[in-house]
Protein backbone atom coordinates (compact mmCIF):
# COMPACT_ATOMS: atom_id res chain seq x y z
CA VAL A 1 -26.60 0.94 -22.52
CA GLN A 2 -24.67 -0.22 -19.46
CA LEU A 3 -21.04 -0.11 -18.37
CA GLN A 4 -19.88 -2.89 -16.06
CA ALA A 5 -16.61 -2.29 -14.23
CA SER A 6 -14.60 -4.95 -12.46
CA GLY A 7 -11.13 -5.72 -11.14
CA GLY A 8 -10.87 -3.62 -8.01
CA GLY A 9 -9.68 -4.95 -4.70
CA LEU A 10 -7.20 -4.70 -1.86
CA VAL A 11 -3.51 -4.65 -2.73
CA GLN A 12 -0.29 -3.76 -0.95
CA ALA A 13 1.74 -0.74 -1.98
CA GLY A 14 3.88 -1.57 -4.98
CA GLY A 15 1.39 -4.11 -6.26
CA SER A 16 -0.70 -4.18 -9.42
CA LEU A 17 -4.34 -4.39 -10.43
CA ARG A 18 -6.10 -4.46 -13.77
CA LEU A 19 -9.50 -2.86 -14.11
CA SER A 20 -11.92 -3.75 -16.90
CA CYS A 21 -15.07 -2.03 -18.08
CA ALA A 22 -17.36 -3.55 -20.68
CA ALA A 23 -20.15 -1.67 -22.43
CA SER A 24 -23.29 -3.54 -23.43
CA GLY A 25 -26.72 -2.84 -24.84
CA LEU A 26 -27.71 -0.94 -27.95
CA ILE A 27 -24.36 0.41 -29.14
CA PHE A 28 -23.68 1.84 -32.56
CA SER A 29 -20.27 3.32 -31.82
CA ILE A 30 -18.07 4.39 -28.91
CA ASN A 31 -15.90 7.48 -29.00
CA ASP A 32 -13.73 8.46 -26.03
CA MET A 33 -13.42 6.10 -23.06
CA GLY A 34 -11.81 6.82 -19.73
CA TRP A 35 -11.26 6.07 -16.09
CA TYR A 36 -11.96 8.47 -13.25
CA ARG A 37 -11.52 8.07 -9.53
CA GLN A 38 -12.96 9.60 -6.42
CA ALA A 39 -11.26 9.35 -3.05
CA PRO A 40 -13.16 10.01 0.19
CA GLY A 41 -13.73 13.73 0.65
CA LYS A 42 -12.34 14.60 -2.76
CA GLN A 43 -13.78 15.44 -6.14
CA ARG A 44 -13.89 12.93 -8.96
CA GLU A 45 -10.82 13.29 -11.17
CA LEU A 46 -9.73 12.00 -14.55
CA VAL A 47 -7.14 9.24 -14.28
CA ALA A 48 -6.71 8.28 -17.93
CA GLY A 49 -8.51 8.64 -21.25
CA ILE A 50 -8.28 7.00 -24.65
CA THR A 51 -9.77 7.99 -27.99
CA ILE A 52 -11.22 5.64 -30.56
CA ARG A 53 -7.91 5.80 -32.44
CA GLY A 54 -5.91 4.96 -29.35
CA SER A 55 -4.53 8.35 -28.33
CA THR A 56 -4.11 8.45 -24.59
CA LYS A 57 -3.79 10.99 -21.80
CA TYR A 58 -3.00 10.56 -18.13
CA ALA A 59 -3.15 12.48 -14.89
CA ASP A 60 0.33 13.56 -13.86
CA SER A 61 0.05 11.49 -10.68
CA VAL A 62 -0.25 8.19 -12.59
CA LYS A 63 2.01 8.76 -15.59
CA GLY A 64 4.51 5.94 -15.97
CA ARG A 65 2.56 3.66 -13.62
CA PHE A 66 -0.89 3.26 -15.22
CA THR A 67 -1.71 2.21 -18.78
CA ILE A 68 -5.10 2.58 -20.42
CA SER A 69 -6.09 0.44 -23.39
CA ARG A 70 -9.24 -0.61 -25.21
CA ASP A 71 -10.65 -3.44 -27.27
CA ASN A 72 -13.04 -1.85 -29.75
CA ALA A 73 -14.43 -5.20 -30.91
CA ALA A 74 -15.36 -6.05 -27.32
CA ASN A 75 -16.47 -2.52 -26.35
CA THR A 76 -14.13 -2.76 -23.38
CA VAL A 77 -11.63 -0.41 -21.77
CA TYR A 78 -8.87 -1.49 -19.41
CA LEU A 79 -6.65 0.19 -16.84
CA GLN A 80 -3.44 -1.56 -15.88
CA MET A 81 -2.22 -0.12 -12.61
CA ASN A 82 1.32 -0.86 -11.49
CA SER A 83 3.45 0.40 -8.59
CA LEU A 84 0.32 1.27 -6.69
CA LYS A 85 0.53 3.78 -3.86
CA PRO A 86 -1.77 4.36 -0.87
CA GLU A 87 -2.82 7.65 -2.46
CA ASP A 88 -4.30 5.65 -5.37
CA THR A 89 -6.99 4.40 -2.99
CA ALA A 90 -10.37 5.44 -4.41
CA VAL A 91 -13.48 4.26 -6.17
CA TYR A 92 -12.68 4.00 -9.87
CA TYR A 93 -15.35 4.75 -12.46
CA CYS A 94 -15.27 4.09 -16.18
CA ASN A 95 -16.87 6.47 -18.64
CA ALA A 96 -17.66 6.22 -22.33
CA GLU A 97 -19.21 8.39 -25.01
CA ILE A 98 -21.66 6.09 -26.78
CA ASN A 99 -23.92 6.47 -29.77
CA ASN A 100 -27.01 4.25 -29.55
CA ARG A 101 -28.12 5.01 -33.12
CA THR A 102 -30.28 7.85 -31.85
CA SER A 103 -27.95 10.14 -29.98
CA TRP A 104 -24.60 10.45 -28.23
CA GLY A 105 -24.51 10.10 -24.47
CA SER A 106 -21.97 9.98 -21.66
CA TYR A 107 -22.32 6.79 -19.66
CA TRP A 108 -20.80 5.76 -16.33
CA GLY A 109 -20.00 2.42 -14.79
CA GLN A 110 -21.01 1.60 -11.23
CA GLY A 111 -17.54 2.05 -9.76
CA THR A 112 -15.03 -0.45 -8.49
CA GLU A 113 -13.16 0.11 -5.26
CA VAL A 114 -9.37 0.05 -5.11
CA THR A 115 -7.65 0.03 -1.71
CA VAL A 116 -3.86 0.22 -1.47
CA SER A 117 -2.39 -0.58 1.93
CA SER A 118 0.96 0.79 3.07
């Protein structure tokens, strides 16, 4: 099982980016999916999460600006980021709880870098 994240880049403050993360390989089902981020010198933190039924949760710092969504048929999770701020600069990682017909596991994408200039 692999998670492939994409969509990061350099954007000016106030701009938008959309991150995507597609899961591939031997997948029987996917439970929770989410996005985390890690800024230089800081711990990795949860940005947003979404359950298989579509219930969502967000870090207080991104509420009202970021939207997480998923396409269960495509095994893909998205993060729409609007009104970006310099403090959103970080490497963003996707995560998913995946059952490969043998067991459940927590899988991580490789990270995609987001840089917001002031």
